[in-house]
Amino acid sequence: MAQGSGDQRALGIADPEESSPNMIVYRKIEDIITKMQDDKTGGVPIRTVKSFLSKIPSVVTGTDIVQWLMKNLSIEDPVEAIHLGSLIAAQGYVFPISDHVLTMKDDGTFYRFQAPYFWPSNCWEPENTDYAIYLCKRTMQNKARLELADYEAENLARLQRAFARKWEFIFMQAEAQVKIDRKKDKTERKILDSQERAFWDVHRPVPGCVNTTEMDIRKCRRLKNPQKVKKSVYGVTEESQSQSPVHIPSQPIRKTTKEDVRKQITFLNAQIDRHCLKMSKVAESLIAYTEQYVEYDPLITPAEPSNPWISDDTALWDIEMSKEPSQQRVKRWGFSFDEILKDQVGRDQFLRFLESEFSSENLRFWLAVQDLKKQPLQDVAKRVEEIWQEFLAPGAPSAINLDSHSYEITSQNVKDGGRYTFEDAQEHIYKLMKSDSYARFLRSNAYQDLLLAKKKPESEQGRRTSLEKFTRSVGKSLAGKRLTGLMQSS
C-alpha cells in the first residue's frame, strides 16, 4: 500500500483508496482498533453489563481504553492517552452509548466499537436522502432511547421540505428498513442502532461540534502536488522541500500505464462537470438579479428628473424621501420581503395592512427588536423588559405567536438580557411574516391599488407636460408677432 500510494501521488492520479488526505490517519487508527479488539493479543475486555431491568451488550469502559493505550503504545502521561482516545472517538471508531459527544473519558463511561462498514476509510460520503431515511426510521421505531433530538427534528422538517416531491419514496424505504430490522435479534438490533447513530454523529454532528470528515484544501493540494510547495514564512522553498527525504519516494517510480491515464481523465472530467454546474447556477442567479435591479441603478439607467450623482439637482432624493412613493419604488417592494422592510414608507403601508388583519404586533415586535440592537448598553436591560412585557409575557397586551422551542430559548435569554435576547423569536416572526403576511399583502387590494394609482398620475403628468409645452410655444409665437407689429408701426 505504501508503494502504491507513493506512485499515485507522484503521478498526480486520484486513487480511490488515497483520495482523502486523512487516509494515512485512518489506517493508523484502524491498526490500533484492530489490536484493541483482538482477544488473542490482549485486547480491551468487551463485555455485557447487566443493569436493573436490561442488559447492555458489547461495551467497554473509558478507563479500559485509556489503560490499554498507555500500556501498548508506551504512553506515560494519562492526559496524552485521553487525548489520543478523543481523536479516535472524533473519527467515529469508538463512540459513547449514553450521549452524542465523541470524546474519551477516563472513567466508567460505556463505549462501543464502530462496525468496519461505517469506518471513514471506506470513503463513501452519505447523501441527504440517506440522512432523511435514517431520521424517518428513527421516528417509526417509537422507542424512548431513539427519540429525535431538537436539532434532528429540525433537520427532518428541513429535509421533508427539500424532498417534498419524493418524500413518499423516502418514507417507503425507511419503512422497509424498519421491517427488516424488526426480524433481527433484539441484542443485535440494539448494537446496530447505536452504531448507525454514531455514524451520523460523525457525518451530521450536533450543532457546535467540528465535522471531522471535512477535508482541508491545503492538504489536498499538497497531496496532489507533493513536489510543488510554495515558499513559507519559515523559509521552506521549493528546492529545499523537494530535497527533503519526506518527499522522496521509498520505491522507484513505475511507468504510467493506460489504466492510470484513464483514471486521471475520469477524475478530471468529473471535476470539470461539477465546476461547470456550480458556475452556471451562480451565473443564472447573477444575471437574474442584474436584470431585475438594472433600472434602479442611476449610474446605468438614467434617473428622472435627473441623476443627483452626476448633477447638482437633488430632486430625485427629495422624491425618494417623500411619503408619496413613485411607481418604481412601489414595484420594488414586490421583489423581496427585505425590500419592503428597508423602506420606511413600505413599512408603514405593510403595517396598515397588518392592522387590517389584526396581526400588526408581529411587525411592531420585529421593529422593536431591531431598535433594541441600537440602544446604548445602559438602556438595554430596561428595553428588554419592556419588549418582554408587551409581546411575550403571560397576558401581554400585544402577544405574538411563538413556537414552544423559540419561546423557551427566549425565556432563558431574558434572565440575562442583552441586545440579542430576542434573536430566535425575531427570526421566527420574520419567517412567519415572510411566508404568510407578505404574500397576502402583495395580493391585497391595498398594494394593487397603490401600484395602479402611481401609474395614472404619471401618465396624466406626461400629457399635462406636453400640453404645457405646446401652450408655451404658441404663446411665444403670438407674443413675437405682436412685438414685431408694434415695432413696424412705430
Protein backbone atom coordinates (compact mmCIF):
# COMPACT_ATOMS: atom_id res chain seq x y z
CA MET A 1 0.00 0.00 0.00
CA ALA A 2 2.90 2.37 0.74
CA GLN A 3 4.41 1.87 -2.70
CA GLY A 4 1.07 2.27 -4.49
CA SER A 5 0.18 5.44 -2.64
CA GLY A 6 3.62 6.93 -3.34
CA ASP A 7 3.28 6.14 -7.03
CA GLN A 8 -0.18 7.63 -7.21
CA ARG A 9 0.96 10.83 -5.52
CA ALA A 10 3.97 11.09 -7.83
CA LEU A 11 1.76 10.70 -10.90
CA GLY A 12 -0.95 13.04 -9.59
CA ILE A 13 -3.61 10.34 -10.07
CA ALA A 14 -6.64 10.11 -7.80
CA ASP A 15 -6.58 6.61 -6.33
CA PRO A 16 -9.89 5.66 -4.66
CA GLU A 17 -8.03 4.38 -1.60
CA GLU A 18 -5.92 7.51 -1.26
CA SER A 19 -8.34 10.24 -2.36
CA SER A 20 -8.78 11.54 1.19
CA PRO A 21 -5.92 13.48 2.81
CA ASN A 22 -6.89 11.85 6.12
CA MET A 23 -6.38 8.31 4.80
CA ILE A 24 -3.00 7.84 6.49
CA VAL A 25 -4.56 8.79 9.82
CA TYR A 26 -7.45 6.39 9.21
CA ARG A 27 -5.09 3.47 8.53
CA LYS A 28 -3.10 4.11 11.71
CA ILE A 29 -6.26 4.36 13.82
CA GLU A 30 -7.65 1.16 12.29
CA ASP A 31 -4.47 -0.72 13.18
CA ILE A 32 -4.90 0.38 16.79
CA ILE A 33 -8.62 -0.50 16.81
CA THR A 34 -7.92 -3.97 15.33
CA LYS A 35 -5.36 -4.73 18.03
CA MET A 36 -7.67 -3.30 20.69
CA GLN A 37 -10.42 -5.78 19.72
CA ASP A 38 -8.12 -8.81 19.38
CA ASP A 39 -8.61 -11.08 22.39
CA LYS A 40 -5.60 -13.28 21.50
CA THR A 41 -3.09 -10.42 21.82
CA GLY A 42 -4.57 -8.90 24.97
CA GLY A 43 -7.18 -6.51 23.66
CA VAL A 44 -9.63 -4.43 25.64
CA PRO A 45 -12.17 -6.62 27.51
CA ILE A 46 -15.55 -6.37 25.73
CA ARG A 47 -18.39 -7.48 27.96
CA THR A 48 -22.13 -7.34 28.55
CA VAL A 49 -23.16 -5.27 31.55
CA LYS A 50 -26.33 -6.09 33.45
CA SER A 51 -28.43 -3.16 34.55
CA PHE A 52 -31.56 -3.10 36.69
CA LEU A 53 -34.06 -4.20 34.04
CA SER A 54 -31.99 -4.88 30.92
CA LYS A 55 -28.54 -5.74 29.58
CA ILE A 56 -26.06 -3.50 27.82
CA PRO A 57 -24.19 -5.70 25.29
CA SER A 58 -20.69 -5.34 23.82
CA VAL A 59 -19.37 -2.37 25.76
CA VAL A 60 -16.02 -1.25 27.17
CA THR A 61 -15.27 1.48 29.68
CA GLY A 62 -13.27 4.60 29.06
CA THR A 63 -10.79 3.57 31.78
CA ASP A 64 -10.09 0.27 29.99
CA ILE A 65 -9.37 2.05 26.72
CA VAL A 66 -7.07 4.64 28.32
CA GLN A 67 -5.12 1.97 30.23
CA TRP A 68 -4.74 -0.15 27.09
CA LEU A 69 -3.39 2.84 25.12
CA MET A 70 -0.87 3.62 27.86
CA LYS A 71 0.27 0.01 28.07
CA ASN A 72 0.51 -0.91 24.38
CA LEU A 73 1.62 2.42 22.92
CA SER A 74 4.18 3.25 25.65
CA ILE A 75 2.35 6.37 26.79
CA GLU A 76 3.37 7.59 30.24
CA ASP A 77 1.03 10.58 30.65
CA PRO A 78 -2.67 9.70 31.10
CA VAL A 79 -3.61 13.09 29.60
CA GLU A 80 -1.88 12.12 26.36
CA ALA A 81 -3.72 8.80 26.29
CA ILE A 82 -7.07 10.54 26.84
CA HIS A 83 -6.23 12.98 24.05
CA LEU A 84 -5.40 10.12 21.67
CA GLY A 85 -8.61 8.34 22.65
CA SER A 86 -10.60 11.51 21.95
CA LEU A 87 -9.04 11.76 18.48
CA ILE A 88 -10.05 8.15 17.79
CA ALA A 89 -13.57 8.84 19.05
CA ALA A 90 -13.84 12.04 16.97
CA GLN A 91 -13.27 9.96 13.81
CA GLY A 92 -16.11 7.64 14.84
CA TYR A 93 -14.15 4.45 15.55
CA VAL A 94 -15.24 4.44 19.20
CA PHE A 95 -18.37 6.13 20.50
CA PRO A 96 -20.20 6.56 23.82
CA ILE A 97 -23.60 4.93 24.14
CA SER A 98 -25.10 7.49 26.52
CA ASP A 99 -24.68 10.77 24.58
CA HIS A 100 -23.58 12.27 21.26
CA VAL A 101 -20.30 13.81 22.49
CA LEU A 102 -17.48 11.99 20.68
CA THR A 103 -14.76 12.34 23.34
CA MET A 104 -12.90 9.93 25.61
CA LYS A 105 -13.34 10.00 29.39
CA ASP A 106 -11.12 8.17 31.86
CA ASP A 107 -14.00 6.80 33.94
CA GLY A 108 -16.73 4.18 33.84
CA THR A 109 -18.48 5.64 30.80
CA PHE A 110 -19.53 2.87 28.42
CA TYR A 111 -18.20 2.89 24.86
CA ARG A 112 -18.78 0.66 21.87
CA PHE A 113 -16.62 -0.08 18.82
CA GLN A 114 -17.88 1.02 15.43
CA ALA A 115 -18.59 -1.62 12.77
CA PRO A 116 -15.95 -1.68 9.96
CA TYR A 117 -18.74 -0.95 7.47
CA PHE A 118 -19.09 2.56 8.94
CA TRP A 119 -15.35 3.32 9.11
CA PRO A 120 -14.36 6.60 7.40
CA SER A 121 -11.73 4.79 5.31
CA ASN A 122 -14.50 3.31 3.15
CA CYS A 123 -14.71 6.81 1.56
CA TRP A 124 -18.44 6.82 0.93
CA GLU A 125 -19.97 10.21 1.61
CA PRO A 126 -23.62 9.90 2.70
CA GLU A 127 -26.23 11.99 0.93
CA ASN A 128 -29.11 13.95 2.41
CA THR A 129 -31.55 11.30 1.22
CA ASP A 130 -29.73 8.70 3.35
CA TYR A 131 -29.97 11.02 6.34
CA ALA A 132 -33.68 11.57 5.69
CA ILE A 133 -34.29 7.79 5.57
CA TYR A 134 -32.38 7.37 8.84
CA LEU A 135 -34.40 10.07 10.64
CA CYS A 136 -37.68 8.66 9.31
CA LYS A 137 -36.67 5.24 10.56
CA ARG A 138 -35.92 6.67 13.99
CA THR A 139 -39.40 8.16 14.23
CA MET A 140 -41.02 4.84 13.27
CA GLN A 141 -39.24 2.75 15.90
CA ASN A 142 -41.08 4.60 18.70
CA LYS A 143 -38.63 3.94 21.48
CA ALA A 144 -37.70 6.40 24.20
CA ARG A 145 -33.99 5.89 23.63
CA LEU A 146 -34.38 6.63 19.92
CA GLU A 147 -36.45 9.80 20.11
CA LEU A 148 -35.17 12.60 17.88
CA ALA A 149 -33.21 15.42 19.44
CA ASP A 150 -34.28 19.01 18.75
CA TYR A 151 -31.68 19.57 16.04
CA GLU A 152 -32.57 16.23 14.42
CA ALA A 153 -36.27 17.13 14.36
CA GLU A 154 -35.40 20.46 12.71
CA ASN A 155 -33.22 18.67 10.14
CA LEU A 156 -36.05 16.22 9.42
CA ALA A 157 -38.51 19.06 8.81
CA ARG A 158 -35.99 20.83 6.56
CA LEU A 159 -35.33 17.66 4.55
CA GLN A 160 -39.05 16.99 4.21
CA ARG A 161 -39.49 20.42 2.62
CA ALA A 162 -36.47 19.92 0.36
CA PHE A 163 -37.55 16.46 -0.84
CA ALA A 164 -41.28 17.13 -0.93
CA ARG A 165 -41.70 15.56 -4.36
CA LYS A 166 -40.07 12.25 -3.50
CA TRP A 167 -40.79 12.15 0.22
CA GLU A 168 -43.20 9.25 -0.25
CA PHE A 169 -40.39 7.18 -1.78
CA ILE A 170 -38.06 8.06 1.12
CA PHE A 171 -40.74 7.12 3.63
CA MET A 172 -41.27 3.76 1.89
CA GLN A 173 -37.54 3.00 2.05
CA ALA A 174 -37.43 3.81 5.76
CA GLU A 175 -40.48 1.63 6.34
CA ALA A 176 -38.85 -1.30 4.52
CA GLN A 177 -35.65 -0.98 6.58
CA VAL A 178 -37.66 -0.95 9.80
CA LYS A 179 -39.39 -4.19 8.81
CA ILE A 180 -36.03 -5.82 8.16
CA ASP A 181 -34.59 -4.60 11.46
CA ARG A 182 -37.52 -6.00 13.42
CA LYS A 183 -36.65 -9.51 12.23
CA LYS A 184 -33.19 -9.32 13.82
CA ASP A 185 -32.29 -10.37 17.33
CA LYS A 186 -33.05 -7.76 19.98
CA THR A 187 -29.43 -7.57 21.18
CA GLU A 188 -28.06 -7.35 17.66
CA ARG A 189 -30.60 -4.68 16.74
CA LYS A 190 -29.63 -2.64 19.78
CA ILE A 191 -25.96 -2.70 18.78
CA LEU A 192 -26.68 -1.84 15.14
CA ASP A 193 -28.91 1.08 16.14
CA SER A 194 -26.17 2.61 18.27
CA GLN A 195 -23.55 2.10 15.53
CA GLU A 196 -25.75 3.77 12.93
CA ARG A 197 -26.46 6.65 15.28
CA ALA A 198 -22.71 7.11 15.91
CA PHE A 199 -22.08 7.16 12.16
CA TRP A 200 -24.46 10.10 11.73
CA ASP A 201 -22.96 11.82 14.78
CA VAL A 202 -19.74 11.98 12.74
CA HIS A 203 -21.23 12.98 9.36
CA ARG A 204 -24.09 15.16 10.67
CA PRO A 205 -22.72 16.31 14.04
CA VAL A 206 -24.54 18.17 16.76
CA PRO A 207 -24.56 21.96 16.11
CA GLY A 208 -21.38 23.45 17.50
CA CYS A 209 -19.26 20.30 17.06
CA VAL A 210 -16.46 20.04 14.49
CA ASN A 211 -17.12 17.91 11.42
CA THR A 212 -14.03 15.69 11.16
CA THR A 213 -14.99 14.42 7.70
CA GLU A 214 -14.30 17.77 6.04
CA MET A 215 -11.07 17.86 4.04
CA ASP A 216 -8.55 20.67 4.23
CA ILE A 217 -7.98 22.17 0.78
CA ARG A 218 -4.33 22.80 1.59
CA LYS A 219 -3.80 19.13 2.36
CA CYS A 220 -5.48 18.22 -0.93
CA ARG A 221 -3.08 20.46 -2.85
CA ARG A 222 -0.03 19.04 -1.09
CA LEU A 223 -1.30 15.51 -1.73
CA LYS A 224 -1.74 16.07 -5.47
CA ASN A 225 1.48 18.11 -5.89
CA PRO A 226 4.00 16.86 -3.29
CA GLN A 227 6.98 18.29 -5.23
CA LYS A 228 5.47 21.75 -5.68
CA VAL A 229 5.47 23.58 -2.34
CA LYS A 230 5.47 27.36 -2.12
CA LYS A 231 7.88 29.32 0.00
CA SER A 232 6.56 29.75 3.52
CA VAL A 233 7.19 32.25 6.27
CA TYR A 234 9.63 29.76 7.81
CA GLY A 235 11.92 29.85 4.77
CA VAL A 236 10.98 26.47 3.26
CA THR A 237 11.48 26.83 -0.50
CA GLU A 238 10.59 24.55 -3.37
CA GLU A 239 14.17 23.42 -3.75
CA SER A 240 14.70 22.59 -0.07
CA GLN A 241 11.29 20.95 0.15
CA SER A 242 11.93 18.79 -2.91
CA GLN A 243 15.23 17.63 -1.40
CA SER A 244 13.58 16.69 1.86
CA PRO A 245 13.61 12.93 2.47
CA VAL A 246 9.92 13.11 3.38
CA HIS A 247 9.00 13.73 -0.27
CA ILE A 248 11.44 11.26 -1.86
CA PRO A 249 9.64 8.01 -2.76
CA SER A 250 10.98 5.00 -0.95
CA GLN A 251 10.47 2.87 -4.09
CA PRO A 252 11.34 3.58 -7.74
CA ILE A 253 8.53 5.28 -9.67
CA ARG A 254 6.80 2.95 -12.11
CA LYS A 255 5.84 3.98 -15.63
CA THR A 256 2.44 5.44 -16.36
CA THR A 257 0.01 2.87 -17.74
CA LYS A 258 -3.14 3.27 -19.82
CA GLU A 259 -5.23 2.46 -16.76
CA ASP A 260 -3.59 5.30 -14.82
CA VAL A 261 -4.28 7.77 -17.61
CA ARG A 262 -7.87 6.55 -17.89
CA LYS A 263 -8.41 7.09 -14.15
CA GLN A 264 -6.91 10.56 -14.37
CA ILE A 265 -9.17 11.52 -17.30
CA THR A 266 -12.25 10.19 -15.49
CA PHE A 267 -11.35 12.14 -12.36
CA LEU A 268 -10.71 15.39 -14.27
CA ASN A 269 -13.94 15.06 -16.27
CA ALA A 270 -15.89 14.65 -13.06
CA GLN A 271 -14.26 17.75 -11.60
CA ILE A 272 -14.96 19.80 -14.73
CA ASP A 273 -18.62 18.78 -14.84
CA ARG A 274 -19.15 19.61 -11.19
CA HIS A 275 -17.44 23.00 -11.52
CA CYS A 276 -19.45 23.97 -14.60
CA LEU A 277 -22.71 23.05 -12.92
CA LYS A 278 -21.99 25.29 -9.95
CA MET A 279 -20.80 28.20 -12.08
CA SER A 280 -23.89 28.01 -14.28
CA LYS A 281 -26.17 28.35 -11.27
CA VAL A 282 -24.19 31.33 -9.98
CA ALA A 283 -24.25 32.94 -13.43
CA GLU A 284 -28.00 32.48 -13.81
CA SER A 285 -28.62 33.94 -10.38
CA LEU A 286 -26.34 36.91 -11.09
CA ILE A 287 -27.98 37.60 -14.46
CA ALA A 288 -31.48 37.42 -12.97
CA TYR A 289 -30.51 39.80 -10.15
CA THR A 290 -28.87 42.23 -12.57
CA GLU A 291 -31.84 42.29 -14.91
CA GLN A 292 -34.20 42.88 -12.01
CA TYR A 293 -32.29 45.79 -10.47
CA VAL A 294 -30.74 47.39 -13.57
CA GLU A 295 -33.45 50.06 -13.81
CA TYR A 296 -32.83 51.03 -10.17
CA ASP A 297 -29.14 51.83 -10.73
CA PRO A 298 -28.91 55.58 -11.52
CA LEU A 299 -25.41 55.12 -12.99
CA ILE A 300 -26.71 52.65 -15.62
CA THR A 301 -30.31 53.69 -16.21
CA PRO A 302 -30.84 57.50 -16.42
CA ALA A 303 -32.88 58.68 -13.47
CA GLU A 304 -35.80 61.07 -13.67
CA PRO A 305 -35.86 64.00 -13.30
CA SER A 306 -32.04 63.87 -13.14
CA ASN A 307 -29.22 61.88 -11.59
CA PRO A 308 -28.02 63.65 -8.44
CA TRP A 309 -24.73 61.73 -8.57
CA ILE A 310 -23.64 63.50 -11.76
CA SER A 311 -25.54 66.77 -11.41
CA ASP A 312 -26.39 69.37 -8.77
CA ASP A 313 -30.12 68.61 -8.90
CA THR A 314 -31.28 66.76 -5.75
CA ALA A 315 -34.90 66.43 -6.85
CA LEU A 316 -34.60 62.64 -7.11
CA TRP A 317 -33.51 62.36 -3.47
CA ASP A 318 -36.36 64.64 -2.41
CA ILE A 319 -38.84 62.38 -4.21
CA GLU A 320 -37.37 59.28 -2.53
CA MET A 321 -37.64 60.95 0.89
CA SER A 322 -41.27 61.92 0.40
CA LYS A 323 -44.11 59.87 1.82
CA GLU A 324 -45.69 59.55 -1.62
CA PRO A 325 -43.63 56.81 -3.27
CA SER A 326 -43.19 56.57 -7.00
CA GLN A 327 -44.40 53.66 -9.12
CA GLN A 328 -40.84 52.36 -9.40
CA ARG A 329 -40.47 52.43 -5.64
CA VAL A 330 -43.79 50.61 -5.03
CA LYS A 331 -42.88 48.00 -7.64
CA ARG A 332 -39.61 47.32 -5.83
CA TRP A 333 -41.45 46.28 -2.67
CA GLY A 334 -42.62 43.18 -4.52
CA PHE A 335 -39.07 41.93 -5.19
CA SER A 336 -38.50 40.56 -1.70
CA PHE A 337 -39.62 40.96 1.89
CA ASP A 338 -36.34 42.70 2.76
CA GLU A 339 -37.06 45.44 0.22
CA ILE A 340 -40.28 46.49 1.95
CA LEU A 341 -38.63 46.35 5.38
CA LYS A 342 -35.80 48.64 4.23
CA ASP A 343 -38.22 51.33 3.01
CA GLN A 344 -39.84 53.48 5.73
CA VAL A 345 -42.92 54.14 3.59
CA GLY A 346 -43.11 50.45 2.69
CA ARG A 347 -43.05 49.50 6.35
CA ASP A 348 -45.85 51.96 7.06
CA GLN A 349 -48.01 50.54 4.28
CA PHE A 350 -47.30 46.97 5.40
CA LEU A 351 -48.14 47.91 9.00
CA ARG A 352 -51.51 49.33 7.89
CA PHE A 353 -52.23 46.07 6.10
CA LEU A 354 -51.35 44.05 9.18
CA GLU A 355 -53.58 46.26 11.30
CA SER A 356 -56.46 45.43 8.99
CA GLU A 357 -55.72 41.74 9.62
CA PHE A 358 -55.25 42.26 13.38
CA SER A 359 -51.65 41.00 13.29
CA SER A 360 -49.65 44.23 13.48
CA GLU A 361 -47.94 43.04 16.67
CA ASN A 362 -45.63 40.86 14.55
CA LEU A 363 -44.09 43.79 12.69
CA ARG A 364 -44.04 46.01 15.77
CA PHE A 365 -42.17 43.29 17.66
CA TRP A 366 -39.68 42.89 14.80
CA LEU A 367 -39.06 46.64 14.68
CA ALA A 368 -38.71 46.82 18.47
CA VAL A 369 -36.03 44.12 18.42
CA GLN A 370 -34.20 45.90 15.59
CA ASP A 371 -34.26 49.10 17.63
CA LEU A 372 -33.01 47.18 20.71
CA LYS A 373 -29.78 46.30 18.89
CA LYS A 374 -29.01 50.01 18.51
CA GLN A 375 -29.72 51.03 22.10
CA PRO A 376 -26.95 52.21 24.46
CA LEU A 377 -25.74 49.48 26.78
CA GLN A 378 -27.16 51.13 29.90
CA ASP A 379 -30.68 51.13 28.38
CA VAL A 380 -30.65 47.56 27.06
CA ALA A 381 -31.88 45.77 30.21
CA LYS A 382 -34.81 48.17 30.62
CA ARG A 383 -35.78 47.88 26.97
CA VAL A 384 -35.60 44.06 27.09
CA GLU A 385 -38.05 44.01 29.96
CA GLU A 386 -40.41 46.40 28.14
CA ILE A 387 -40.43 44.23 25.00
CA TRP A 388 -40.98 41.10 27.08
CA GLN A 389 -43.93 42.62 28.94
CA GLU A 390 -45.52 43.98 25.78
CA PHE A 391 -45.18 41.00 23.45
CA LEU A 392 -44.20 37.78 25.27
CA ALA A 393 -45.14 37.82 28.96
CA PRO A 394 -48.29 35.97 30.09
CA GLY A 395 -51.24 38.27 29.44
CA ALA A 396 -49.18 40.63 27.25
CA PRO A 397 -51.30 43.31 25.52
CA SER A 398 -49.74 42.56 22.10
CA ALA A 399 -48.90 38.87 22.42
CA ILE A 400 -47.15 37.27 19.44
CA ASN A 401 -47.42 33.66 18.35
CA LEU A 402 -44.18 31.74 19.02
CA ASP A 403 -43.42 28.04 18.87
CA SER A 404 -42.51 26.32 22.13
CA HIS A 405 -38.83 25.93 21.23
CA SER A 406 -38.27 29.64 20.47
CA TYR A 407 -40.30 30.71 23.49
CA GLU A 408 -38.24 28.51 25.82
CA ILE A 409 -34.95 29.87 24.47
CA THR A 410 -36.19 33.47 24.73
CA SER A 411 -37.42 32.90 28.28
CA GLN A 412 -33.94 31.77 29.29
CA ASN A 413 -32.26 34.69 27.49
CA VAL A 414 -34.44 37.28 29.23
CA LYS A 415 -32.92 36.30 32.58
CA ASP A 416 -29.62 37.76 31.40
CA GLY A 417 -30.86 40.29 28.87
CA GLY A 418 -28.70 41.66 26.06
CA ARG A 419 -29.05 43.21 22.63
CA TYR A 420 -29.63 39.78 21.05
CA THR A 421 -32.00 38.35 23.65
CA PHE A 422 -34.88 38.04 21.18
CA GLU A 423 -32.81 36.76 18.23
CA ASP A 424 -34.61 33.39 17.95
CA ALA A 425 -38.05 34.93 18.43
CA GLN A 426 -37.32 37.63 15.86
CA GLU A 427 -36.19 35.07 13.29
CA HIS A 428 -39.35 33.04 13.85
CA ILE A 429 -41.60 36.11 13.42
CA TYR A 430 -39.61 37.18 10.33
CA LYS A 431 -40.20 33.81 8.65
CA LEU A 432 -43.85 33.89 9.66
CA MET A 433 -44.43 37.34 8.10
CA LYS A 434 -42.38 36.48 5.00
CA SER A 435 -44.22 33.24 4.23
CA ASP A 436 -47.72 34.34 5.22
CA SER A 437 -48.47 38.05 5.67
CA TYR A 438 -46.10 39.39 2.97
CA ALA A 439 -47.54 37.09 0.30
CA ARG A 440 -51.07 38.19 1.17
CA PHE A 441 -50.00 41.86 1.13
CA LEU A 442 -48.76 41.57 -2.46
CA ARG A 443 -52.10 40.02 -3.48
CA SER A 444 -54.16 42.51 -1.49
CA ASN A 445 -56.21 45.32 -2.97
CA ALA A 446 -54.23 47.82 -0.91
CA TYR A 447 -50.96 47.06 -2.69
CA GLN A 448 -52.53 46.65 -6.13
CA ASP A 449 -54.39 49.93 -5.79
CA LEU A 450 -51.24 51.67 -4.64
CA LEU A 451 -49.36 50.27 -7.63
CA LEU A 452 -52.05 51.28 -10.12
CA ALA A 453 -52.58 54.68 -8.50
CA LYS A 454 -48.99 55.57 -9.22
CA LYS A 455 -49.29 54.72 -12.90
CA LYS A 456 -52.27 57.01 -13.61
CA PRO A 457 -50.87 60.30 -12.24
CA GLU A 458 -47.57 59.78 -14.06
CA SER A 459 -49.34 59.29 -17.41
CA GLU A 460 -51.53 62.34 -16.74
CA GLN A 461 -48.48 64.32 -15.77
CA GLY A 462 -46.83 63.37 -19.07
CA ARG A 463 -49.86 64.55 -21.05
CA ARG A 464 -50.08 67.75 -18.98
CA THR A 465 -46.41 68.44 -19.58
CA SER A 466 -46.85 68.06 -23.34
CA LEU A 467 -49.87 70.40 -23.28
CA GLU A 468 -47.94 72.99 -21.30
CA LYS A 469 -45.08 72.85 -23.81
CA PHE A 470 -47.49 73.34 -26.72
CA THR A 471 -49.28 76.26 -25.00
CA ARG A 472 -45.98 77.87 -24.12
CA SER A 473 -44.71 77.62 -27.69
CA VAL A 474 -47.94 79.08 -29.12
CA GLY A 475 -47.83 81.93 -26.60
CA LYS A 476 -44.25 82.75 -27.53
CA SER A 477 -45.06 82.85 -31.25
CA LEU A 478 -48.09 85.16 -30.72
CA ALA A 479 -46.09 87.44 -28.47
CA GLY A 480 -43.33 87.61 -31.05
CA LYS A 481 -45.72 88.57 -33.85
CA ARG A 482 -47.35 91.25 -31.69
CA LEU A 483 -43.96 92.74 -30.81
CA THR A 484 -42.94 92.80 -34.48
CA GLY A 485 -46.18 94.67 -35.44
CA LEU A 486 -45.61 97.30 -32.79
CA MET A 487 -42.06 97.95 -33.95
CA GLN A 488 -43.15 98.34 -37.58
CA SER A 489 -45.98 100.78 -36.68
CA SER A 490 -43.59 102.91 -34.65
